[in-house]
């Protein structure tokens, strides 16, 4: 369960991003879903053969 401070912070971010006020229950549901998504994404392994980005792009910003 998320602490009340995290719920309040999520509500502030939601208001700044979407211009909507949300209640605590909605904020808790969406924040929990977001954390679950992050947990899944963080477990995804890189494809075989490297980091899957364009080396030419790296040269432009070196």
Protein backbone atom coordinates (compact mmCIF):
# COMPACT_ATOMS: atom_id res chain seq x y z
CA UNK A 1 0.00 0.00 0.00
CA UNK A 2 1.25 3.45 -0.86
CA UNK A 3 1.76 5.97 1.95
CA UNK A 4 -0.56 9.00 2.02
CA UNK A 5 2.33 11.29 1.04
CA UNK A 6 2.86 9.33 -2.17
CA UNK A 7 -0.83 9.57 -3.02
CA UNK A 8 -0.80 13.33 -2.50
CA UNK A 9 2.32 13.71 -4.63
CA UNK A 10 0.75 11.60 -7.39
CA UNK A 11 -2.36 13.82 -7.30
CA UNK A 12 -0.18 16.90 -7.79
CA UNK A 13 1.61 15.34 -10.77
CA UNK A 14 -1.74 14.25 -12.26
CA UNK A 15 -3.13 17.78 -11.92
CA UNK A 16 -0.02 19.30 -13.53
CA UNK A 17 -0.04 16.81 -16.41
CA UNK A 18 -3.77 16.48 -17.09
CA UNK A 19 -5.33 19.57 -15.50
CA UNK A 20 -7.72 17.40 -13.47
CA UNK A 21 -8.32 17.01 -9.76
CA UNK A 22 -8.64 13.37 -8.72
CA UNK A 23 -9.69 11.74 -5.46
CA UNK A 24 -7.45 9.58 -3.30
CA UNK A 25 -8.97 6.27 -4.42
CA UNK A 26 -8.48 7.05 -8.11
CA UNK A 27 -4.94 8.30 -7.44
CA UNK A 28 -4.10 5.15 -5.46
CA UNK A 29 -5.44 2.93 -8.27
CA UNK A 30 -3.54 4.75 -11.03
CA UNK A 31 -0.31 5.08 -9.05
CA UNK A 32 -0.38 1.38 -8.18
CA UNK A 33 -0.97 0.48 -11.83
CA UNK A 34 1.94 2.69 -12.86
CA UNK A 35 4.26 1.06 -10.32
CA UNK A 36 3.19 -2.38 -11.54
CA UNK A 37 3.96 -1.34 -15.12
CA UNK A 38 7.41 -0.08 -14.09
CA UNK A 39 8.08 -3.39 -12.35
CA UNK A 40 7.20 -5.31 -15.52
CA UNK A 41 9.20 -3.03 -17.82
CA UNK A 42 12.23 -3.17 -15.56
CA UNK A 43 12.28 -6.96 -15.89
CA UNK A 44 12.41 -6.93 -19.70
CA UNK A 45 15.80 -8.04 -20.99
CA UNK A 46 17.66 -6.31 -23.81
CA UNK A 47 17.53 -8.16 -27.13
CA UNK A 48 20.50 -10.37 -28.01
CA UNK A 49 23.35 -8.48 -29.62
CA UNK A 50 23.37 -5.25 -27.72
CA UNK A 51 21.57 -2.18 -26.65
CA UNK A 52 19.23 -1.80 -29.65
CA UNK A 53 20.04 1.78 -30.62
CA UNK A 54 21.60 3.50 -33.58
CA UNK A 55 25.36 4.04 -33.23
CA UNK A 56 25.19 6.85 -35.81
CA UNK A 57 23.08 8.84 -33.35
CA UNK A 58 25.78 8.45 -30.70
CA UNK A 59 28.38 9.91 -33.08
CA UNK A 60 26.25 13.03 -33.62
CA UNK A 61 26.21 13.79 -29.91
CA UNK A 62 29.77 12.81 -29.02
